[in-house]
Amino acid sequence: MKSKGILIAFGNRVREERLKQNLSQEELAYKAGVHRTYIGMIERAEKNITLLNIEKIARALCLEIDYLMKV
């Protein structure tokens, strides 16, 4: 499904940045204030993430939202 491409690209970007910072999914989830399983679902493109949660994840990774969105 072509429309899911952005979810896949975004999830890959989150995973890439999380691993660069040597964070587990659980650690990132804690820093972002979301449930630990949510990060995995984002990275696997199983969730259509909201702007509010994109902001939480960007802040937890100390990144600008636009950087995460450049997929």
N, C-alpha and C. Protein backbone atom coordinates (compact mmCIF):
# COMPACT_ATOMS: atom_id res chain seq x y z
N MET A 1 0.84 -1.18 0.00
CA MET A 1 0.00 0.00 0.00
C MET A 1 0.88 1.24 0.00
N LYS A 2 0.77 2.07 -0.99
CA LYS A 2 1.63 3.23 -1.16
C LYS A 2 1.46 4.25 -0.04
N SER A 3 0.25 4.46 0.45
CA SER A 3 0.02 5.47 1.48
C SER A 3 0.72 5.12 2.80
N LYS A 4 1.06 3.89 2.99
CA LYS A 4 1.75 3.48 4.21
C LYS A 4 3.24 3.79 4.14
N GLY A 5 3.72 4.20 2.97
CA GLY A 5 5.13 4.49 2.78
C GLY A 5 5.67 5.53 3.75
N ILE A 6 4.89 6.56 4.02
CA ILE A 6 5.35 7.60 4.94
C ILE A 6 5.47 7.07 6.36
N LEU A 7 4.58 6.16 6.75
CA LEU A 7 4.66 5.55 8.08
C LEU A 7 5.91 4.69 8.20
N ILE A 8 6.22 3.98 7.15
CA ILE A 8 7.43 3.13 7.14
C ILE A 8 8.68 4.01 7.22
N ALA A 9 8.72 5.05 6.41
CA ALA A 9 9.88 5.94 6.40
C ALA A 9 10.04 6.64 7.75
N PHE A 10 8.94 7.10 8.33
CA PHE A 10 9.00 7.77 9.63
C PHE A 10 9.46 6.79 10.71
N GLY A 11 8.92 5.61 10.71
CA GLY A 11 9.32 4.59 11.69
C GLY A 11 10.79 4.25 11.57
N ASN A 12 11.27 4.16 10.35
CA ASN A 12 12.70 3.89 10.14
C ASN A 12 13.56 5.03 10.67
N ARG A 13 13.11 6.26 10.47
CA ARG A 13 13.86 7.43 10.95
C ARG A 13 13.92 7.42 12.48
N VAL A 14 12.79 7.13 13.12
CA VAL A 14 12.77 7.07 14.59
C VAL A 14 13.72 5.98 15.08
N ARG A 15 13.66 4.80 14.47
CA ARG A 15 14.54 3.69 14.88
C ARG A 15 16.01 4.08 14.70
N GLU A 16 16.33 4.67 13.55
CA GLU A 16 17.70 5.07 13.26
C GLU A 16 18.22 6.06 14.31
N GLU A 17 17.43 7.05 14.63
CA GLU A 17 17.85 8.06 15.61
C GLU A 17 17.91 7.48 17.02
N ARG A 18 16.99 6.59 17.34
CA ARG A 18 17.00 5.94 18.66
C ARG A 18 18.26 5.12 18.84
N LEU A 19 18.62 4.36 17.81
CA LEU A 19 19.82 3.53 17.88
C LEU A 19 21.10 4.37 17.91
N LYS A 20 21.12 5.49 17.19
CA LYS A 20 22.27 6.40 17.24
C LYS A 20 22.53 6.87 18.67
N GLN A 21 21.44 7.05 19.42
CA GLN A 21 21.55 7.53 20.79
C GLN A 21 21.64 6.39 21.80
N ASN A 22 21.74 5.17 21.28
CA ASN A 22 21.89 3.99 22.13
C ASN A 22 20.75 3.86 23.14
N LEU A 23 19.53 4.12 22.68
CA LEU A 23 18.35 4.01 23.54
C LEU A 23 17.56 2.77 23.17
N SER A 24 17.03 2.10 24.16
CA SER A 24 16.09 1.02 23.90
C SER A 24 14.73 1.64 23.59
N GLN A 25 13.83 0.85 23.05
CA GLN A 25 12.48 1.35 22.81
C GLN A 25 11.85 1.77 24.13
N GLU A 26 12.09 1.02 25.17
CA GLU A 26 11.53 1.34 26.48
C GLU A 26 12.08 2.66 27.02
N GLU A 27 13.37 2.90 26.85
CA GLU A 27 13.97 4.16 27.31
C GLU A 27 13.41 5.35 26.55
N LEU A 28 13.27 5.20 25.23
CA LEU A 28 12.70 6.28 24.44
C LEU A 28 11.26 6.54 24.85
N ALA A 29 10.51 5.49 25.04
CA ALA A 29 9.11 5.64 25.45
C ALA A 29 9.01 6.40 26.77
N TYR A 30 9.87 6.06 27.71
CA TYR A 30 9.86 6.74 29.01
C TYR A 30 10.17 8.23 28.84
N LYS A 31 11.19 8.53 28.07
CA LYS A 31 11.58 9.92 27.84
C LYS A 31 10.47 10.71 27.13
N ALA A 32 9.74 10.04 26.25
CA ALA A 32 8.69 10.69 25.47
C ALA A 32 7.34 10.71 26.20
N GLY A 33 7.21 9.92 27.25
CA GLY A 33 5.94 9.87 27.97
C GLY A 33 4.86 9.09 27.25
N VAL A 34 5.29 8.04 26.53
CA VAL A 34 4.33 7.17 25.83
C VAL A 34 4.56 5.73 26.29
N HIS A 35 3.63 4.86 25.98
CA HIS A 35 3.76 3.46 26.37
C HIS A 35 4.88 2.79 25.59
N ARG A 36 5.56 1.86 26.22
CA ARG A 36 6.73 1.22 25.60
C ARG A 36 6.38 0.50 24.30
N THR A 37 5.21 -0.09 24.23
CA THR A 37 4.85 -0.81 23.00
C THR A 37 4.55 0.14 21.84
N TYR A 38 4.23 1.39 22.16
CA TYR A 38 3.89 2.38 21.14
C TYR A 38 5.09 2.66 20.23
N ILE A 39 6.28 2.74 20.81
CA ILE A 39 7.48 3.01 20.01
C ILE A 39 7.69 1.89 18.99
N GLY A 40 7.55 0.65 19.43
CA GLY A 40 7.69 -0.48 18.51
C GLY A 40 6.67 -0.44 17.39
N MET A 41 5.45 -0.06 17.74
CA MET A 41 4.39 0.02 16.73
C MET A 41 4.68 1.12 15.71
N ILE A 42 5.27 2.22 16.17
CA ILE A 42 5.65 3.30 15.25
C ILE A 42 6.77 2.81 14.33
N GLU A 43 7.78 2.18 14.93
CA GLU A 43 8.92 1.72 14.14
C GLU A 43 8.52 0.66 13.12
N ARG A 44 7.48 -0.09 13.41
CA ARG A 44 7.01 -1.13 12.47
C ARG A 44 5.89 -0.61 11.56
N ALA A 45 5.62 0.68 11.63
CA ALA A 45 4.59 1.33 10.80
C ALA A 45 3.20 0.76 11.05
N GLU A 46 2.94 0.40 12.29
CA GLU A 46 1.63 -0.14 12.66
C GLU A 46 0.70 0.94 13.23
N LYS A 47 1.23 2.11 13.51
CA LYS A 47 0.45 3.21 14.08
C LYS A 47 0.57 4.44 13.20
N ASN A 48 -0.54 5.11 13.02
CA ASN A 48 -0.55 6.40 12.35
C ASN A 48 -0.41 7.45 13.45
N ILE A 49 0.80 7.88 13.69
CA ILE A 49 1.15 8.72 14.82
C ILE A 49 0.58 10.13 14.68
N THR A 50 0.18 10.73 15.81
CA THR A 50 -0.36 12.09 15.80
C THR A 50 0.77 13.11 15.90
N LEU A 51 0.46 14.33 15.55
CA LEU A 51 1.45 15.41 15.65
C LEU A 51 1.91 15.61 17.09
N LEU A 52 1.01 15.46 18.03
CA LEU A 52 1.39 15.61 19.44
C LEU A 52 2.43 14.58 19.85
N ASN A 53 2.27 13.36 19.39
CA ASN A 53 3.23 12.31 19.73
C ASN A 53 4.52 12.44 18.92
N ILE A 54 4.44 12.98 17.72
CA ILE A 54 5.66 13.27 16.96
C ILE A 54 6.49 14.28 17.75
N GLU A 55 5.83 15.29 18.28
CA GLU A 55 6.54 16.30 19.07
C GLU A 55 7.19 15.67 20.31
N LYS A 56 6.47 14.80 21.01
CA LYS A 56 7.02 14.14 22.20
C LYS A 56 8.26 13.33 21.85
N ILE A 57 8.20 12.60 20.76
CA ILE A 57 9.33 11.75 20.36
C ILE A 57 10.50 12.61 19.91
N ALA A 58 10.23 13.67 19.16
CA ALA A 58 11.29 14.57 18.72
C ALA A 58 12.01 15.17 19.93
N ARG A 59 11.25 15.64 20.90
CA ARG A 59 11.86 16.21 22.11
C ARG A 59 12.67 15.18 22.87
N ALA A 60 12.13 13.97 22.98
CA ALA A 60 12.84 12.90 23.69
C ALA A 60 14.16 12.56 23.02
N LEU A 61 14.20 12.70 21.69
CA LEU A 61 15.42 12.42 20.94
C LEU A 61 16.28 13.68 20.76
N CYS A 62 15.82 14.81 21.34
CA CYS A 62 16.52 16.10 21.21
C CYS A 62 16.70 16.50 19.74
N LEU A 63 15.63 16.32 18.98
CA LEU A 63 15.64 16.64 17.56
C LEU A 63 14.49 17.60 17.24
N GLU A 64 14.64 18.32 16.15
CA GLU A 64 13.55 19.16 15.66
C GLU A 64 12.53 18.28 14.96
N ILE A 65 11.27 18.66 15.05
CA ILE A 65 10.20 17.90 14.40
C ILE A 65 10.45 17.79 12.91
N ASP A 66 10.86 18.88 12.28
CA ASP A 66 11.06 18.85 10.83
C ASP A 66 12.14 17.86 10.43
N TYR A 67 13.13 17.64 11.28
CA TYR A 67 14.17 16.65 10.97
C TYR A 67 13.55 15.24 10.93
N LEU A 68 12.71 14.93 11.91
CA LEU A 68 12.06 13.62 11.92
C LEU A 68 11.12 13.45 10.73
N MET A 69 10.53 14.54 10.29
CA MET A 69 9.56 14.47 9.21
C MET A 69 10.19 14.41 7.83
N LYS A 70 11.49 14.67 7.72
CA LYS A 70 12.15 14.59 6.42
C LYS A 70 12.39 13.13 6.09
N VAL A 71 11.39 12.53 5.55
CA VAL A 71 11.45 11.11 5.22
C VAL A 71 11.51 11.00 3.73
